[in-house]
Amino acid sequence: MSAAGRSQAQEQAHSLVIEGTRVELVLRRSARRSFALQVDHRGARVAVPLRTPLGEVERFIHSHGRWLLDRLQARAVPRPTQVVAVVDGATVPLFGRPLTLRLQAGRSARWRVLANDFEELLLPTAADPLRALLRALHARALAWYRGRVEEYCHRLALPVPAVRLSSARTRWGSCSSRSGVRLHWRLVHLPPALIDYVVAHEVAHLVEMNHSPRFWAVVERLYPDWRAARAALRQAATTLPILAAAPDADTGTFEQED
């Protein structure tokens, strides 16, 4: 943006009632072409093109009203963080079930299925157990995600795109016609049904690269109970463990952008 464009930026306080709740936000007008709604430590902010009528601004905010209320409520409620130290006998969720970590001699990680179909992950003490755990979880996640993306693409008769892992701070997944589908590795902690919702969401973007009614119709075709899954995903996100000493561990929760 040019200096002249920046000088035209205007900010003002604004409030409106969404589903019976009064919301205070900052309205920023500038030489931009798109609308944007954001919630961070400062509160709610909406950015719009300079000469956008107020009625159009409010219609945009109301169209994302439930998203906005959910984000504001989420930021207002302190969330306990489960920190898991990688020690012998510790457990972390894997596809919604407890995975027991075992430390023993060796240089590589090994999976072991127990009699009750639960699993253990044997981590090497001769190497960094945390790094070995992350590598094992990443490999397990990628293999699972690729299979689910293939399944949903098959339902839509689409070619299967490249599937990669993500470590994004605020998105569960993303989709690009050029780079394919990216899914956050921490989804591997969640039950398969919730992972499937994210997969269906991203695969639907291969048909509609937007969040229009046409897009949600594709999601519903792939995952009819997507509304309940989206709500469950937001709740489950607050329970994800933070692996002790993980580099750049993010203690926040993750939400799929809607």
C-alpha atoms as a PDB file:
ATOM      1  CA  MET A   1       0.000   0.000   0.000  1.00  0.00           C
ATOM      2  CA  SER A   2       1.286   3.482  -0.782  1.00  0.00           C
ATOM      3  CA  ALA A   3       1.932   6.140   1.825  1.00  0.00           C
ATOM      4  CA  ALA A   4      -1.091   8.033   0.500  1.00  0.00           C
ATOM      5  CA  GLY A   5      -3.258   4.940   0.945  1.00  0.00           C
ATOM      6  CA  ARG A   6      -2.039   4.443   4.494  1.00  0.00           C
ATOM      7  CA  SER A   7      -2.751   8.070   5.348  1.00  0.00           C
ATOM      8  CA  GLN A   8      -6.407   7.574   4.441  1.00  0.00           C
ATOM      9  CA  ALA A   9      -6.909   4.762   6.940  1.00  0.00           C
ATOM     10  CA  GLN A  10      -9.592   5.534   9.514  1.00  0.00           C
ATOM     11  CA  GLU A  11     -10.414   3.697  12.741  1.00  0.00           C
ATOM     12  CA  GLN A  12     -13.409   4.122  14.989  1.00  0.00           C
ATOM     13  CA  ALA A  13     -15.180   2.251  17.749  1.00  0.00           C
ATOM     14  CA  HIS A  14     -18.396   0.532  16.746  1.00  0.00           C
ATOM     15  CA  SER A  15     -20.891  -1.763  18.430  1.00  0.00           C
ATOM     16  CA  LEU A  16     -23.798  -3.902  17.328  1.00  0.00           C
ATOM     17  CA  VAL A  17     -26.021  -6.654  18.717  1.00  0.00           C
ATOM     18  CA  ILE A  18     -25.425 -10.190  17.450  1.00  0.00           C
ATOM     19  CA  GLU A  19     -27.854 -12.903  18.574  1.00  0.00           C
ATOM     20  CA  GLY A  20     -28.798 -10.799  21.600  1.00  0.00           C
ATOM     21  CA  THR A  21     -25.203 -10.034  22.598  1.00  0.00           C
ATOM     22  CA  ARG A  22     -23.720  -6.559  22.248  1.00  0.00           C
ATOM     23  CA  VAL A  23     -20.310  -6.726  20.620  1.00  0.00           C
ATOM     24  CA  GLU A  24     -17.786  -3.902  20.778  1.00  0.00           C
ATOM     25  CA  LEU A  25     -15.260  -3.757  17.956  1.00  0.00           C
ATOM     26  CA  VAL A  26     -12.924  -1.474  16.053  1.00  0.00           C
ATOM     27  CA  LEU A  27     -13.971  -0.535  12.518  1.00  0.00           C
ATOM     28  CA  ARG A  28     -11.010   0.203  10.255  1.00  0.00           C
ATOM     29  CA  ARG A  29     -11.510   1.729   6.821  1.00  0.00           C
ATOM     30  CA  SER A  30      -8.571   1.837   4.427  1.00  0.00           C
ATOM     31  CA  ALA A  31      -7.588   1.565   0.770  1.00  0.00           C
ATOM     32  CA  ARG A  32      -8.122  -2.183   0.677  1.00  0.00           C
ATOM     33  CA  ARG A  33     -10.391  -4.219  -1.578  1.00  0.00           C
ATOM     34  CA  SER A  34     -11.636  -6.970   0.722  1.00  0.00           C
ATOM     35  CA  PHE A  35     -13.408  -7.390   4.051  1.00  0.00           C
ATOM     36  CA  ALA A  36     -11.678  -8.984   7.043  1.00  0.00           C
ATOM     37  CA  LEU A  37     -12.822  -9.872  10.550  1.00  0.00           C
ATOM     38  CA  GLN A  38     -10.284 -10.574  13.277  1.00  0.00           C
ATOM     39  CA  VAL A  39     -10.291 -11.459  16.974  1.00  0.00           C
ATOM     40  CA  ASP A  40      -7.062 -11.168  18.960  1.00  0.00           C
ATOM     41  CA  HIS A  41      -5.824  -9.940  22.336  1.00  0.00           C
ATOM     42  CA  ARG A  42      -7.134  -6.465  21.490  1.00  0.00           C
ATOM     43  CA  GLY A  43     -10.674  -7.694  20.862  1.00  0.00           C
ATOM     44  CA  ALA A  44     -12.705  -7.737  17.648  1.00  0.00           C
ATOM     45  CA  ARG A  45     -11.691  -5.721  14.576  1.00  0.00           C
ATOM     46  CA  VAL A  46     -13.281  -5.412  11.152  1.00  0.00           C
ATOM     47  CA  ALA A  47     -11.363  -4.006   8.166  1.00  0.00           C
ATOM     48  CA  VAL A  48     -13.241  -2.805   5.097  1.00  0.00           C
ATOM     49  CA  PRO A  49     -12.669  -0.705   1.952  1.00  0.00           C
ATOM     50  CA  LEU A  50     -12.635   3.018   2.620  1.00  0.00           C
ATOM     51  CA  ARG A  51     -16.078   4.000   1.319  1.00  0.00           C
ATOM     52  CA  THR A  52     -18.072   0.922   2.340  1.00  0.00           C
ATOM     53  CA  PRO A  53     -21.546   1.897   3.655  1.00  0.00           C
ATOM     54  CA  LEU A  54     -22.074   1.069   7.326  1.00  0.00           C
ATOM     55  CA  GLY A  55     -25.047  -1.140   6.493  1.00  0.00           C
ATOM     56  CA  GLU A  56     -22.859  -3.304   4.274  1.00  0.00           C
ATOM     57  CA  VAL A  57     -20.236  -3.533   7.011  1.00  0.00           C
ATOM     58  CA  GLU A  58     -22.817  -4.699   9.530  1.00  0.00           C
ATOM     59  CA  ARG A  59     -24.257  -7.260   7.111  1.00  0.00           C
ATOM     60  CA  PHE A  60     -20.755  -8.689   6.715  1.00  0.00           C
ATOM     61  CA  ILE A  61     -20.287  -8.869  10.486  1.00  0.00           C
ATOM     62  CA  HIS A  62     -23.700 -10.497  11.009  1.00  0.00           C
ATOM     63  CA  SER A  63     -22.945 -13.068   8.306  1.00  0.00           C
ATOM     64  CA  HIS A  64     -20.029 -14.197  10.500  1.00  0.00           C
ATOM     65  CA  GLY A  65     -21.858 -13.563  13.765  1.00  0.00           C
ATOM     66  CA  ARG A  66     -21.667 -17.040  15.244  1.00  0.00           C
ATOM     67  CA  TRP A  67     -17.957 -17.302  14.364  1.00  0.00           C
ATOM     68  CA  LEU A  68     -17.332 -13.948  16.032  1.00  0.00           C
ATOM     69  CA  LEU A  69     -19.252 -14.811  19.208  1.00  0.00           C
ATOM     70  CA  ASP A  70     -17.492 -18.165  19.471  1.00  0.00           C
ATOM     71  CA  ARG A  71     -14.061 -16.552  19.150  1.00  0.00           C
ATOM     72  CA  LEU A  72     -14.813 -13.824  21.682  1.00  0.00           C
ATOM     73  CA  GLN A  73     -16.182 -16.358  24.155  1.00  0.00           C
ATOM     74  CA  ALA A  74     -13.205 -18.637  23.627  1.00  0.00           C
ATOM     75  CA  ARG A  75     -10.755 -15.832  24.386  1.00  0.00           C
ATOM     76  CA  ALA A  76     -12.689 -14.879  27.523  1.00  0.00           C
ATOM     77  CA  VAL A  77     -12.476 -18.361  29.087  1.00  0.00           C
ATOM     78  CA  PRO A  78      -9.073 -19.482  30.409  1.00  0.00           C
ATOM     79  CA  ARG A  79      -8.127 -22.883  29.025  1.00  0.00           C
ATOM     80  CA  PRO A  80      -6.098 -25.375  30.993  1.00  0.00           C
ATOM     81  CA  THR A  81      -3.142 -26.727  29.070  1.00  0.00           C
ATOM     82  CA  GLN A  82      -2.146 -30.362  29.461  1.00  0.00           C
ATOM     83  CA  VAL A  83       1.629 -30.537  29.307  1.00  0.00           C
ATOM     84  CA  VAL A  84       2.913 -34.054  28.721  1.00  0.00           C
ATOM     85  CA  ALA A  85       6.533 -34.763  29.536  1.00  0.00           C
ATOM     86  CA  VAL A  86       8.024 -37.504  27.397  1.00  0.00           C
ATOM     87  CA  VAL A  87       8.842 -39.987  30.154  1.00  0.00           C
ATOM     88  CA  ASP A  88       8.368 -43.726  30.510  1.00  0.00           C
ATOM     89  CA  GLY A  89       4.700 -44.559  31.104  1.00  0.00           C
ATOM     90  CA  ALA A  90       3.307 -41.213  29.941  1.00  0.00           C
ATOM     91  CA  THR A  91       0.231 -41.281  27.728  1.00  0.00           C
ATOM     92  CA  VAL A  92      -0.812 -39.080  24.837  1.00  0.00           C
ATOM     93  CA  PRO A  93      -3.975 -39.368  22.765  1.00  0.00           C
ATOM     94  CA  LEU A  94      -3.658 -41.062  19.390  1.00  0.00           C
ATOM     95  CA  PHE A  95      -6.803 -41.039  17.253  1.00  0.00           C
ATOM     96  CA  GLY A  96      -8.769 -40.385  20.445  1.00  0.00           C
ATOM     97  CA  ARG A  97      -7.326 -43.330  22.384  1.00  0.00           C
ATOM     98  CA  PRO A  98      -4.478 -43.359  24.906  1.00  0.00           C
ATOM     99  CA  LEU A  99      -1.046 -44.181  23.522  1.00  0.00           C
ATOM    100  CA  THR A 100       1.470 -45.264  26.151  1.00  0.00           C
ATOM    101  CA  LEU A 101       5.061 -44.104  25.775  1.00  0.00           C
ATOM    102  CA  ARG A 102       7.835 -46.488  26.752  1.00  0.00           C
ATOM    103  CA  LEU A 103      11.487 -45.513  26.922  1.00  0.00           C
ATOM    104  CA  GLN A 104      14.017 -48.245  26.319  1.00  0.00           C
ATOM    105  CA  ALA A 105      17.410 -48.877  24.818  1.00  0.00           C
ATOM    106  CA  GLY A 106      17.702 -48.383  21.084  1.00  0.00           C
ATOM    107  CA  ARG A 107      18.106 -45.763  18.391  1.00  0.00           C
ATOM    108  CA  SER A 108      14.723 -45.827  16.651  1.00  0.00           C
ATOM    109  CA  ALA A 109      11.061 -45.727  17.632  1.00  0.00           C
ATOM    110  CA  ARG A 110       8.847 -48.810  17.302  1.00  0.00           C
ATOM    111  CA  TRP A 111       5.081 -49.267  17.524  1.00  0.00           C
ATOM    112  CA  ARG A 112       3.657 -52.166  19.528  1.00  0.00           C
ATOM    113  CA  VAL A 113       0.009 -53.298  19.569  1.00  0.00           C
ATOM    114  CA  LEU A 114      -1.192 -54.654  22.909  1.00  0.00           C
ATOM    115  CA  ALA A 115      -3.674 -57.457  23.491  1.00  0.00           C
ATOM    116  CA  ASN A 116      -6.607 -55.022  23.956  1.00  0.00           C
ATOM    117  CA  ASP A 117      -5.805 -53.226  20.669  1.00  0.00           C
ATOM    118  CA  PHE A 118      -4.307 -50.284  22.513  1.00  0.00           C
ATOM    119  CA  GLU A 119      -0.826 -49.266  21.436  1.00  0.00           C
ATOM    120  CA  GLU A 120       2.546 -48.461  22.887  1.00  0.00           C
ATOM    121  CA  LEU A 121       5.291 -46.451  21.275  1.00  0.00           C
ATOM    122  CA  LEU A 122       8.796 -47.555  22.192  1.00  0.00           C
ATOM    123  CA  LEU A 123      11.094 -44.544  22.195  1.00  0.00           C
ATOM    124  CA  PRO A 124      14.890 -44.778  22.099  1.00  0.00           C
ATOM    125  CA  THR A 125      16.909 -43.526  25.043  1.00  0.00           C
ATOM    126  CA  ALA A 126      20.017 -43.410  22.870  1.00  0.00           C
ATOM    127  CA  ALA A 127      18.465 -40.533  20.902  1.00  0.00           C
ATOM    128  CA  ASP A 128      16.198 -37.629  21.832  1.00  0.00           C
ATOM    129  CA  PRO A 129      12.901 -39.318  22.890  1.00  0.00           C
ATOM    130  CA  LEU A 130      10.862 -36.188  22.222  1.00  0.00           C
ATOM    131  CA  ARG A 131      12.207 -35.800  18.713  1.00  0.00           C
ATOM    132  CA  ALA A 132      11.597 -39.508  18.089  1.00  0.00           C
ATOM    133  CA  LEU A 133       8.019 -39.141  19.352  1.00  0.00           C
ATOM    134  CA  LEU A 134       7.328 -36.208  17.040  1.00  0.00           C
ATOM    135  CA  ARG A 135       8.758 -38.053  14.037  1.00  0.00           C
ATOM    136  CA  ALA A 136       6.627 -41.105  14.816  1.00  0.00           C
ATOM    137  CA  LEU A 137       3.450 -39.056  15.266  1.00  0.00           C
ATOM    138  CA  HIS A 138       4.109 -37.098  12.064  1.00  0.00           C
ATOM    139  CA  ALA A 139       4.614 -40.296  10.054  1.00  0.00           C
ATOM    140  CA  ARG A 140       1.481 -41.882  11.512  1.00  0.00           C
ATOM    141  CA  ALA A 141      -0.549 -38.748  10.869  1.00  0.00           C
ATOM    142  CA  LEU A 142       0.573 -38.365   7.254  1.00  0.00           C
ATOM    143  CA  ALA A 143      -0.212 -41.984   6.390  1.00  0.00           C
ATOM    144  CA  TRP A 144      -3.690 -41.667   7.901  1.00  0.00           C
ATOM    145  CA  TYR A 145      -4.454 -38.314   6.278  1.00  0.00           C
ATOM    146  CA  ARG A 146      -3.435 -39.523   2.834  1.00  0.00           C
ATOM    147  CA  GLY A 147      -5.827 -42.451   3.089  1.00  0.00           C
ATOM    148  CA  ARG A 148      -8.734 -40.248   4.152  1.00  0.00           C
ATOM    149  CA  VAL A 149      -8.071 -37.611   1.475  1.00  0.00           C
ATOM    150  CA  GLU A 150      -8.021 -40.399  -1.109  1.00  0.00           C
ATOM    151  CA  GLU A 151     -11.363 -41.709   0.186  1.00  0.00           C
ATOM    152  CA  TYR A 152     -13.104 -38.326   0.007  1.00  0.00           C
ATOM    153  CA  CYS A 153     -11.631 -37.516  -3.389  1.00  0.00           C
ATOM    154  CA  HIS A 154     -12.929 -40.868  -4.636  1.00  0.00           C
ATOM    155  CA  ARG A 155     -16.449 -39.890  -3.510  1.00  0.00           C
ATOM    156  CA  LEU A 156     -16.267 -36.749  -5.650  1.00  0.00           C
ATOM    157  CA  ALA A 157     -14.462 -38.435  -8.549  1.00  0.00           C
ATOM    158  CA  LEU A 158     -11.521 -36.083  -8.111  1.00  0.00           C
ATOM    159  CA  PRO A 159      -7.824 -36.753  -8.662  1.00  0.00           C
ATOM    160  CA  VAL A 160      -5.981 -37.135  -5.368  1.00  0.00           C
ATOM    161  CA  PRO A 161      -3.787 -34.108  -4.623  1.00  0.00           C
ATOM    162  CA  ALA A 162      -0.521 -34.021  -2.716  1.00  0.00           C
ATOM    163  CA  VAL A 163      -1.068 -34.279   1.035  1.00  0.00           C
ATOM    164  CA  ARG A 164       1.357 -32.631   3.441  1.00  0.00           C
ATOM    165  CA  LEU A 165       1.556 -31.888   7.142  1.00  0.00           C
ATOM    166  CA  SER A 166       1.083 -28.436   8.609  1.00  0.00           C
ATOM    167  CA  SER A 167       2.163 -26.780  11.840  1.00  0.00           C
ATOM    168  CA  ALA A 168       0.106 -23.634  11.303  1.00  0.00           C
ATOM    169  CA  ARG A 169      -0.748 -21.660  14.413  1.00  0.00           C
ATOM    170  CA  THR A 170      -4.460 -21.138  13.784  1.00  0.00           C
ATOM    171  CA  ARG A 171      -5.639 -23.457  11.014  1.00  0.00           C
ATOM    172  CA  TRP A 172      -6.424 -27.142  11.081  1.00  0.00           C
ATOM    173  CA  GLY A 173      -6.032 -27.391   7.342  1.00  0.00           C
ATOM    174  CA  SER A 174      -5.636 -25.578   4.060  1.00  0.00           C
ATOM    175  CA  CYS A 175      -6.117 -26.364   0.390  1.00  0.00           C
ATOM    176  CA  SER A 176      -4.473 -24.977  -2.713  1.00  0.00           C
ATOM    177  CA  SER A 177      -4.864 -25.927  -6.341  1.00  0.00           C
ATOM    178  CA  ARG A 178      -1.069 -25.697  -6.616  1.00  0.00           C
ATOM    179  CA  SER A 179       0.246 -27.293  -3.410  1.00  0.00           C
ATOM    180  CA  GLY A 180      -2.638 -29.628  -2.539  1.00  0.00           C
ATOM    181  CA  VAL A 181      -4.040 -30.329   0.927  1.00  0.00           C
ATOM    182  CA  ARG A 182      -2.230 -29.532   4.161  1.00  0.00           C
ATOM    183  CA  LEU A 183      -3.479 -30.914   7.480  1.00  0.00           C
ATOM    184  CA  HIS A 184      -2.163 -30.112  10.924  1.00  0.00           C
ATOM    185  CA  TRP A 185      -0.172 -32.940  12.456  1.00  0.00           C
ATOM    186  CA  ARG A 186      -1.842 -32.419  15.856  1.00  0.00           C
ATOM    187  CA  LEU A 187      -5.122 -33.663  14.429  1.00  0.00           C
ATOM    188  CA  VAL A 188      -3.591 -37.106  15.015  1.00  0.00           C
ATOM    189  CA  HIS A 189      -4.567 -36.733  18.692  1.00  0.00           C
ATOM    190  CA  LEU A 190      -8.284 -36.491  17.855  1.00  0.00           C
ATOM    191  CA  PRO A 191     -10.911 -39.176  17.167  1.00  0.00           C
ATOM    192  CA  PRO A 192     -11.086 -40.246  13.502  1.00  0.00           C
ATOM    193  CA  ALA A 193     -14.577 -38.774  13.046  1.00  0.00           C
ATOM    194  CA  LEU A 194     -13.296 -35.269  13.828  1.00  0.00           C
ATOM    195  CA  ILE A 195     -10.268 -35.705  11.591  1.00  0.00           C
ATOM    196  CA  ASP A 196     -12.631 -36.755   8.831  1.00  0.00           C
ATOM    197  CA  TYR A 197     -14.575 -33.510   9.155  1.00  0.00           C
ATOM    198  CA  VAL A 198     -11.403 -31.493   8.552  1.00  0.00           C
ATOM    199  CA  VAL A 199     -10.457 -33.726   5.625  1.00  0.00           C
ATOM    200  CA  ALA A 200     -13.925 -33.370   4.091  1.00  0.00           C
ATOM    201  CA  HIS A 201     -13.726 -29.592   4.558  1.00  0.00           C
ATOM    202  CA  GLU A 202     -10.411 -29.331   2.731  1.00  0.00           C
ATOM    203  CA  VAL A 203     -11.341 -31.773  -0.037  1.00  0.00           C
ATOM    204  CA  ALA A 204     -14.504 -29.722  -0.639  1.00  0.00           C
ATOM    205  CA  HIS A 205     -12.216 -26.789  -1.402  1.00  0.00           C
ATOM    206  CA  LEU A 206     -10.931 -28.721  -4.412  1.00  0.00           C
ATOM    207  CA  VAL A 207     -14.399 -28.097  -5.849  1.00  0.00           C
ATOM    208  CA  GLU A 208     -15.127 -24.656  -4.373  1.00  0.00           C
ATOM    209  CA  MET A 209     -12.197 -22.466  -3.289  1.00  0.00           C
ATOM    210  CA  ASN A 210     -14.386 -20.330  -1.044  1.00  0.00           C
ATOM    211  CA  HIS A 211     -16.897 -20.635   1.794  1.00  0.00           C
ATOM    212  CA  SER A 212     -19.984 -19.996  -0.301  1.00  0.00           C
ATOM    213  CA  PRO A 213     -23.264 -21.919   0.046  1.00  0.00           C
ATOM    214  CA  ARG A 214     -22.035 -24.104  -2.844  1.00  0.00           C
ATOM    215  CA  PHE A 215     -18.970 -25.005  -0.801  1.00  0.00           C
ATOM    216  CA  TRP A 216     -21.011 -25.990   2.253  1.00  0.00           C
ATOM    217  CA  ALA A 217     -23.278 -28.067   0.028  1.00  0.00           C
ATOM    218  CA  VAL A 218     -20.218 -30.080  -1.029  1.00  0.00           C
ATOM    219  CA  VAL A 219     -19.168 -30.460   2.612  1.00  0.00           C
ATOM    220  CA  GLU A 220     -22.651 -31.689   3.508  1.00  0.00           C
ATOM    221  CA  ARG A 221     -22.525 -34.206   0.693  1.00  0.00           C
ATOM    222  CA  LEU A 222     -19.268 -35.576   2.059  1.00  0.00           C
ATOM    223  CA  TYR A 223     -19.980 -35.184   5.772  1.00  0.00           C
ATOM    224  CA  PRO A 224     -23.703 -34.645   6.521  1.00  0.00           C
ATOM    225  CA  ASP A 225     -23.161 -34.052  10.252  1.00  0.00           C
ATOM    226  CA  TRP A 226     -20.535 -31.345   9.718  1.00  0.00           C
ATOM    227  CA  ARG A 227     -22.185 -28.778  11.986  1.00  0.00           C
ATOM    228  CA  ALA A 228     -22.003 -31.031  15.042  1.00  0.00           C
ATOM    229  CA  ALA A 229     -18.466 -32.096  14.101  1.00  0.00           C
ATOM    230  CA  ARG A 230     -17.324 -28.482  13.800  1.00  0.00           C
ATOM    231  CA  ALA A 231     -18.671 -27.690  17.272  1.00  0.00           C
ATOM    232  CA  ALA A 232     -17.094 -30.842  18.705  1.00  0.00           C
ATOM    233  CA  LEU A 233     -13.785 -29.981  17.060  1.00  0.00           C
ATOM    234  CA  ARG A 234     -13.715 -26.568  18.695  1.00  0.00           C
ATOM    235  CA  GLN A 235     -14.296 -28.154  22.083  1.00  0.00           C
ATOM    236  CA  ALA A 236     -11.791 -30.955  21.529  1.00  0.00           C
ATOM    237  CA  ALA A 237      -9.140 -28.431  20.497  1.00  0.00           C
ATOM    238  CA  THR A 238      -8.998 -27.165  24.074  1.00  0.00           C
ATOM    239  CA  THR A 239      -7.885 -30.589  25.334  1.00  0.00           C
ATOM    240  CA  LEU A 240      -4.882 -31.174  23.083  1.00  0.00           C
ATOM    241  CA  PRO A 241      -1.656 -31.916  24.919  1.00  0.00           C
ATOM    242  CA  ILE A 242       1.507 -29.886  24.631  1.00  0.00           C
ATOM    243  CA  LEU A 243       4.516 -32.171  24.433  1.00  0.00           C
ATOM    244  CA  ALA A 244       7.113 -30.985  26.907  1.00  0.00           C
ATOM    245  CA  ALA A 245      10.091 -29.183  25.475  1.00  0.00           C
ATOM    246  CA  ALA A 246       8.731 -29.350  21.919  1.00  0.00           C
ATOM    247  CA  PRO A 247      10.326 -26.510  19.895  1.00  0.00           C
ATOM    248  CA  ASP A 248       7.920 -23.666  19.266  1.00  0.00           C
ATOM    249  CA  ALA A 249       5.123 -25.520  21.052  1.00  0.00           C
ATOM    250  CA  ASP A 250       1.902 -23.547  20.690  1.00  0.00           C
ATOM    251  CA  THR A 251      -0.149 -23.436  23.865  1.00  0.00           C
ATOM    252  CA  GLY A 252      -3.126 -21.937  22.061  1.00  0.00           C
ATOM    253  CA  THR A 253      -5.988 -23.830  20.519  1.00  0.00           C
ATOM    254  CA  PHE A 254      -6.602 -24.334  16.838  1.00  0.00           C
ATOM    255  CA  GLU A 255      -9.680 -23.438  14.853  1.00  0.00           C
ATOM    256  CA  GLN A 256     -10.388 -24.124  11.233  1.00  0.00           C
ATOM    257  CA  GLU A 257     -10.953 -20.894   9.407  1.00  0.00           C
ATOM    258  CA  ASP A 258     -14.548 -20.596   8.255  1.00  0.00           C
END
